[in-house]
Amino acid sequence: MTKETREALVLVPPAGRAFPCPAPAVLLFEDEQPVRERVYFETATILTQLGLASSLPFPA
């Protein structure tokens, strides 16, 4: 997944830069049709790539 920060990420203002982030997607199927998707990612990885990890309230 590649994303550009245009909205705030939990107390961190948008940086306006793109970043790559590994993000697995888990799909739930009913009758062979997808009915739900969940995407998981690690916020600390994103903040580190954007150079904002120092603003974390805990060590990254």
PDB file of N, CA and C in Angstrom:
ATOM      1  N   MET A   1       0.848  -1.161   0.000  1.00  0.00           N
ATOM      2  CA  MET A   1       0.000   0.000   0.000  1.00  0.00           C
ATOM      3  C   MET A   1       0.897   1.229   0.000  1.00  0.00           C
ATOM      4  N   THR A   2       0.584   2.198  -0.811  1.00  0.00           N
ATOM      5  CA  THR A   2       1.243   3.493  -0.773  1.00  0.00           C
ATOM      6  C   THR A   2       0.181   4.534  -0.497  1.00  0.00           C
ATOM      7  N   LYS A   3       0.463   5.415   0.408  1.00  0.00           N
ATOM      8  CA  LYS A   3      -0.526   6.393   0.859  1.00  0.00           C
ATOM      9  C   LYS A   3       0.131   7.749   0.967  1.00  0.00           C
ATOM     10  N   GLU A   4      -0.632   8.803   0.771  1.00  0.00           N
ATOM     11  CA  GLU A   4      -0.152  10.154   1.014  1.00  0.00           C
ATOM     12  C   GLU A   4      -0.921  10.701   2.201  1.00  0.00           C
ATOM     13  N   THR A   5      -0.206  11.309   3.136  1.00  0.00           N
ATOM     14  CA  THR A   5      -0.868  11.806   4.341  1.00  0.00           C
ATOM     15  C   THR A   5      -1.591  13.110   4.047  1.00  0.00           C
ATOM     16  N   ARG A   6      -2.892  13.024   3.990  1.00  0.00           N
ATOM     17  CA  ARG A   6      -3.719  14.207   3.779  1.00  0.00           C
ATOM     18  C   ARG A   6      -4.601  14.495   4.990  1.00  0.00           C
ATOM     19  N   GLU A   7      -4.742  13.506   5.862  1.00  0.00           N
ATOM     20  CA  GLU A   7      -5.515  13.718   7.073  1.00  0.00           C
ATOM     21  C   GLU A   7      -4.625  13.406   8.280  1.00  0.00           C
ATOM     22  N   ALA A   8      -5.025  13.897   9.430  1.00  0.00           N
ATOM     23  CA  ALA A   8      -4.221  13.705  10.639  1.00  0.00           C
ATOM     24  C   ALA A   8      -4.217  12.244  11.053  1.00  0.00           C
ATOM     25  N   LEU A   9      -3.079  11.798  11.601  1.00  0.00           N
ATOM     26  CA  LEU A   9      -2.940  10.452  12.138  1.00  0.00           C
ATOM     27  C   LEU A   9      -2.817  10.554  13.651  1.00  0.00           C
ATOM     28  N   VAL A  10      -3.866  10.433  14.376  1.00  0.00           N
ATOM     29  CA  VAL A  10      -3.890  10.452  15.840  1.00  0.00           C
ATOM     30  C   VAL A  10      -2.901  11.464  16.419  1.00  0.00           C
ATOM     31  N   LEU A  11      -3.284  12.679  16.510  1.00  0.00           N
ATOM     32  CA  LEU A  11      -2.507  13.778  17.098  1.00  0.00           C
ATOM     33  C   LEU A  11      -1.302  14.220  16.276  1.00  0.00           C
ATOM     34  N   VAL A  12      -1.130  13.683  15.067  1.00  0.00           N
ATOM     35  CA  VAL A  12      -0.014  14.083  14.208  1.00  0.00           C
ATOM     36  C   VAL A  12      -0.596  14.751  12.970  1.00  0.00           C
ATOM     37  N   PRO A  13      -0.216  15.994  12.704  1.00  0.00           N
ATOM     38  CA  PRO A  13      -0.762  16.683  11.530  1.00  0.00           C
ATOM     39  C   PRO A  13      -0.311  16.027  10.226  1.00  0.00           C
ATOM     40  N   PRO A  14      -1.071  16.213   9.138  1.00  0.00           N
ATOM     41  CA  PRO A  14      -0.681  15.622   7.857  1.00  0.00           C
ATOM     42  C   PRO A  14       0.672  16.159   7.388  1.00  0.00           C
ATOM     43  N   ALA A  15       1.502  15.252   6.862  1.00  0.00           N
ATOM     44  CA  ALA A  15       2.835  15.635   6.383  1.00  0.00           C
ATOM     45  C   ALA A  15       2.827  15.944   4.892  1.00  0.00           C
ATOM     46  N   GLY A  16       1.815  15.476   4.157  1.00  0.00           N
ATOM     47  CA  GLY A  16       1.741  15.733   2.725  1.00  0.00           C
ATOM     48  C   GLY A  16       2.750  14.957   1.907  1.00  0.00           C
ATOM     49  N   ARG A  17       3.341  13.904   2.485  1.00  0.00           N
ATOM     50  CA  ARG A  17       4.327  13.079   1.783  1.00  0.00           C
ATOM     51  C   ARG A  17       3.778  11.678   1.612  1.00  0.00           C
ATOM     52  N   ALA A  18       4.233  10.998   0.560  1.00  0.00           N
ATOM     53  CA  ALA A  18       3.824   9.610   0.319  1.00  0.00           C
ATOM     54  C   ALA A  18       4.756   8.672   1.076  1.00  0.00           C
ATOM     55  N   PHE A  19       4.236   7.513   1.442  1.00  0.00           N
ATOM     56  CA  PHE A  19       5.039   6.514   2.140  1.00  0.00           C
ATOM     57  C   PHE A  19       4.533   5.130   1.786  1.00  0.00           C
ATOM     58  N   PRO A  20       5.440   4.148   1.671  1.00  0.00           N
ATOM     59  CA  PRO A  20       5.006   2.758   1.476  1.00  0.00           C
ATOM     60  C   PRO A  20       4.744   2.118   2.831  1.00  0.00           C
ATOM     61  N   CYS A  21       3.788   1.226   2.883  1.00  0.00           N
ATOM     62  CA  CYS A  21       3.490   0.547   4.138  1.00  0.00           C
ATOM     63  C   CYS A  21       2.972  -0.851   3.843  1.00  0.00           C
ATOM     64  N   PRO A  22       3.641  -1.890   4.364  1.00  0.00           N
ATOM     65  CA  PRO A  22       3.099  -3.233   4.215  1.00  0.00           C
ATOM     66  C   PRO A  22       1.768  -3.305   4.955  1.00  0.00           C
ATOM     67  N   ALA A  23       0.752  -3.822   4.298  1.00  0.00           N
ATOM     68  CA  ALA A  23      -0.572  -3.875   4.911  1.00  0.00           C
ATOM     69  C   ALA A  23      -1.332  -5.100   4.420  1.00  0.00           C
ATOM     70  N   PRO A  24      -1.418  -6.134   5.241  1.00  0.00           N
ATOM     71  CA  PRO A  24      -2.209  -7.296   4.826  1.00  0.00           C
ATOM     72  C   PRO A  24      -3.702  -6.992   4.917  1.00  0.00           C
ATOM     73  N   ALA A  25      -4.453  -7.523   3.995  1.00  0.00           N
ATOM     74  CA  ALA A  25      -5.912  -7.380   4.003  1.00  0.00           C
ATOM     75  C   ALA A  25      -6.520  -8.755   4.260  1.00  0.00           C
ATOM     76  N   VAL A  26      -7.483  -8.798   5.168  1.00  0.00           N
ATOM     77  CA  VAL A  26      -8.180 -10.040   5.495  1.00  0.00           C
ATOM     78  C   VAL A  26      -9.638  -9.876   5.059  1.00  0.00           C
ATOM     79  N   LEU A  27     -10.080 -10.783   4.204  1.00  0.00           N
ATOM     80  CA  LEU A  27     -11.447 -10.716   3.682  1.00  0.00           C
ATOM     81  C   LEU A  27     -12.308 -11.800   4.314  1.00  0.00           C
ATOM     82  N   LEU A  28     -13.550 -11.441   4.651  1.00  0.00           N
ATOM     83  CA  LEU A  28     -14.529 -12.396   5.154  1.00  0.00           C
ATOM     84  C   LEU A  28     -15.522 -12.666   4.023  1.00  0.00           C
ATOM     85  N   PHE A  29     -15.715 -13.936   3.724  1.00  0.00           N
ATOM     86  CA  PHE A  29     -16.615 -14.334   2.640  1.00  0.00           C
ATOM     87  C   PHE A  29     -17.849 -15.023   3.195  1.00  0.00           C
ATOM     88  N   GLU A  30     -18.978 -14.755   2.583  1.00  0.00           N
ATOM     89  CA  GLU A  30     -20.218 -15.487   2.837  1.00  0.00           C
ATOM     90  C   GLU A  30     -20.799 -15.859   1.479  1.00  0.00           C
ATOM     91  N   ASP A  31     -21.066 -17.136   1.287  1.00  0.00           N
ATOM     92  CA  ASP A  31     -21.585 -17.625  -0.004  1.00  0.00           C
ATOM     93  C   ASP A  31     -20.688 -17.191  -1.161  1.00  0.00           C
ATOM     94  N   GLU A  32     -19.391 -17.312  -0.970  1.00  0.00           N
ATOM     95  CA  GLU A  32     -18.381 -16.993  -1.972  1.00  0.00           C
ATOM     96  C   GLU A  32     -18.325 -15.522  -2.377  1.00  0.00           C
ATOM     97  N   GLN A  33     -18.950 -14.655  -1.602  1.00  0.00           N
ATOM     98  CA  GLN A  33     -18.921 -13.218  -1.871  1.00  0.00           C
ATOM     99  C   GLN A  33     -18.222 -12.505  -0.717  1.00  0.00           C
ATOM    100  N   PRO A  34     -17.325 -11.573  -1.001  1.00  0.00           N
ATOM    101  CA  PRO A  34     -16.685 -10.835   0.088  1.00  0.00           C
ATOM    102  C   PRO A  34     -17.704  -9.913   0.779  1.00  0.00           C
ATOM    103  N   VAL A  35     -17.770  -9.995   2.097  1.00  0.00           N
ATOM    104  CA  VAL A  35     -18.718  -9.162   2.834  1.00  0.00           C
ATOM    105  C   VAL A  35     -18.023  -8.199   3.797  1.00  0.00           C
ATOM    106  N   ARG A  36     -16.741  -8.435   4.072  1.00  0.00           N
ATOM    107  CA  ARG A  36     -16.022  -7.559   4.987  1.00  0.00           C
ATOM    108  C   ARG A  36     -14.533  -7.621   4.680  1.00  0.00           C
ATOM    109  N   GLU A  37     -13.885  -6.485   4.800  1.00  0.00           N
ATOM    110  CA  GLU A  37     -12.434  -6.424   4.607  1.00  0.00           C
ATOM    111  C   GLU A  37     -11.833  -5.673   5.790  1.00  0.00           C
ATOM    112  N   ARG A  38     -10.751  -6.220   6.320  1.00  0.00           N
ATOM    113  CA  ARG A  38      -9.997  -5.546   7.377  1.00  0.00           C
ATOM    114  C   ARG A  38      -8.559  -5.407   6.902  1.00  0.00           C
ATOM    115  N   VAL A  39      -8.024  -4.206   7.034  1.00  0.00           N
ATOM    116  CA  VAL A  39      -6.653  -3.933   6.637  1.00  0.00           C
ATOM    117  C   VAL A  39      -5.870  -3.592   7.900  1.00  0.00           C
ATOM    118  N   TYR A  40      -4.732  -4.249   8.074  1.00  0.00           N
ATOM    119  CA  TYR A  40      -3.906  -4.052   9.262  1.00  0.00           C
ATOM    120  C   TYR A  40      -2.595  -3.393   8.865  1.00  0.00           C
ATOM    121  N   PHE A  41      -2.163  -2.401   9.646  1.00  0.00           N
ATOM    122  CA  PHE A  41      -0.875  -1.758   9.428  1.00  0.00           C
ATOM    123  C   PHE A  41      -0.339  -1.283  10.766  1.00  0.00           C
ATOM    124  N   GLU A  42       0.961  -1.006  10.792  1.00  0.00           N
ATOM    125  CA  GLU A  42       1.605  -0.571  12.024  1.00  0.00           C
ATOM    126  C   GLU A  42       1.872   0.927  11.951  1.00  0.00           C
ATOM    127  N   THR A  43       1.269   1.678  12.831  1.00  0.00           N
ATOM    128  CA  THR A  43       1.388   3.130  12.832  1.00  0.00           C
ATOM    129  C   THR A  43       2.826   3.585  13.061  1.00  0.00           C
ATOM    130  N   ALA A  44       3.576   2.904  13.916  1.00  0.00           N
ATOM    131  CA  ALA A  44       4.961   3.309  14.191  1.00  0.00           C
ATOM    132  C   ALA A  44       5.818   3.260  12.927  1.00  0.00           C
ATOM    133  N   THR A  45       5.592   2.271  12.064  1.00  0.00           N
ATOM    134  CA  THR A  45       6.333   2.183  10.802  1.00  0.00           C
ATOM    135  C   THR A  45       6.035   3.392   9.921  1.00  0.00           C
ATOM    136  N   ILE A  46       4.785   3.752   9.840  1.00  0.00           N
ATOM    137  CA  ILE A  46       4.379   4.904   9.022  1.00  0.00           C
ATOM    138  C   ILE A  46       5.020   6.178   9.558  1.00  0.00           C
ATOM    139  N   LEU A  47       4.927   6.403  10.862  1.00  0.00           N
ATOM    140  CA  LEU A  47       5.486   7.619  11.449  1.00  0.00           C
ATOM    141  C   LEU A  47       6.997   7.675  11.290  1.00  0.00           C
ATOM    142  N   THR A  48       7.684   6.535  11.381  1.00  0.00           N
ATOM    143  CA  THR A  48       9.132   6.495  11.183  1.00  0.00           C
ATOM    144  C   THR A  48       9.482   6.881   9.745  1.00  0.00           C
ATOM    145  N   GLN A  49       8.752   6.343   8.776  1.00  0.00           N
ATOM    146  CA  GLN A  49       9.027   6.657   7.373  1.00  0.00           C
ATOM    147  C   GLN A  49       8.761   8.122   7.059  1.00  0.00           C
ATOM    148  N   LEU A  50       7.817   8.735   7.763  1.00  0.00           N
ATOM    149  CA  LEU A  50       7.517  10.148   7.545  1.00  0.00           C
ATOM    150  C   LEU A  50       8.431  11.060   8.346  1.00  0.00           C
ATOM    151  N   GLY A  51       9.323  10.474   9.164  1.00  0.00           N
ATOM    152  CA  GLY A  51      10.221  11.276   9.980  1.00  0.00           C
ATOM    153  C   GLY A  51       9.537  11.879  11.193  1.00  0.00           C
ATOM    154  N   LEU A  52       8.426  11.284  11.607  1.00  0.00           N
ATOM    155  CA  LEU A  52       7.655  11.816  12.726  1.00  0.00           C
ATOM    156  C   LEU A  52       7.691  10.919  13.951  1.00  0.00           C
ATOM    157  N   ALA A  53       8.532   9.899  13.943  1.00  0.00           N
ATOM    158  CA  ALA A  53       8.559   8.955  15.057  1.00  0.00           C
ATOM    159  C   ALA A  53       8.983   9.617  16.355  1.00  0.00           C
ATOM    160  N   SER A  54       9.742  10.700  16.293  1.00  0.00           N
ATOM    161  CA  SER A  54      10.169  11.379  17.511  1.00  0.00           C
ATOM    162  C   SER A  54       9.000  12.020  18.243  1.00  0.00           C
ATOM    163  N   SER A  55       7.853  12.180  17.568  1.00  0.00           N
ATOM    164  CA  SER A  55       6.688  12.770  18.212  1.00  0.00           C
ATOM    165  C   SER A  55       5.840  11.726  18.940  1.00  0.00           C
ATOM    166  N   LEU A  56       6.271  10.451  18.879  1.00  0.00           N
ATOM    167  CA  LEU A  56       5.538   9.402  19.579  1.00  0.00           C
ATOM    168  C   LEU A  56       5.727   9.534  21.085  1.00  0.00           C
ATOM    169  N   PRO A  57       4.688   9.214  21.867  1.00  0.00           N
ATOM    170  CA  PRO A  57       4.830   9.289  23.316  1.00  0.00           C
ATOM    171  C   PRO A  57       5.612   8.112  23.898  1.00  0.00           C
ATOM    172  N   PHE A  58       6.102   7.205  23.053  1.00  0.00           N
ATOM    173  CA  PHE A  58       6.870   6.041  23.489  1.00  0.00           C
ATOM    174  C   PHE A  58       7.958   5.779  22.464  1.00  0.00           C
ATOM    175  N   PRO A  59       9.021   5.046  22.801  1.00  0.00           N
ATOM    176  CA  PRO A  59      10.098   4.789  21.832  1.00  0.00           C
ATOM    177  C   PRO A  59       9.628   3.946  20.661  1.00  0.00           C
ATOM    178  N   ALA A  60      10.019   4.299  19.453  1.00  0.00           N
ATOM    179  CA  ALA A  60       9.624   3.519  18.253  1.00  0.00           C
ATOM    180  C   ALA A  60      10.560   2.362  18.048  1.00  0.00           C
TER     181      ALA A  60
END
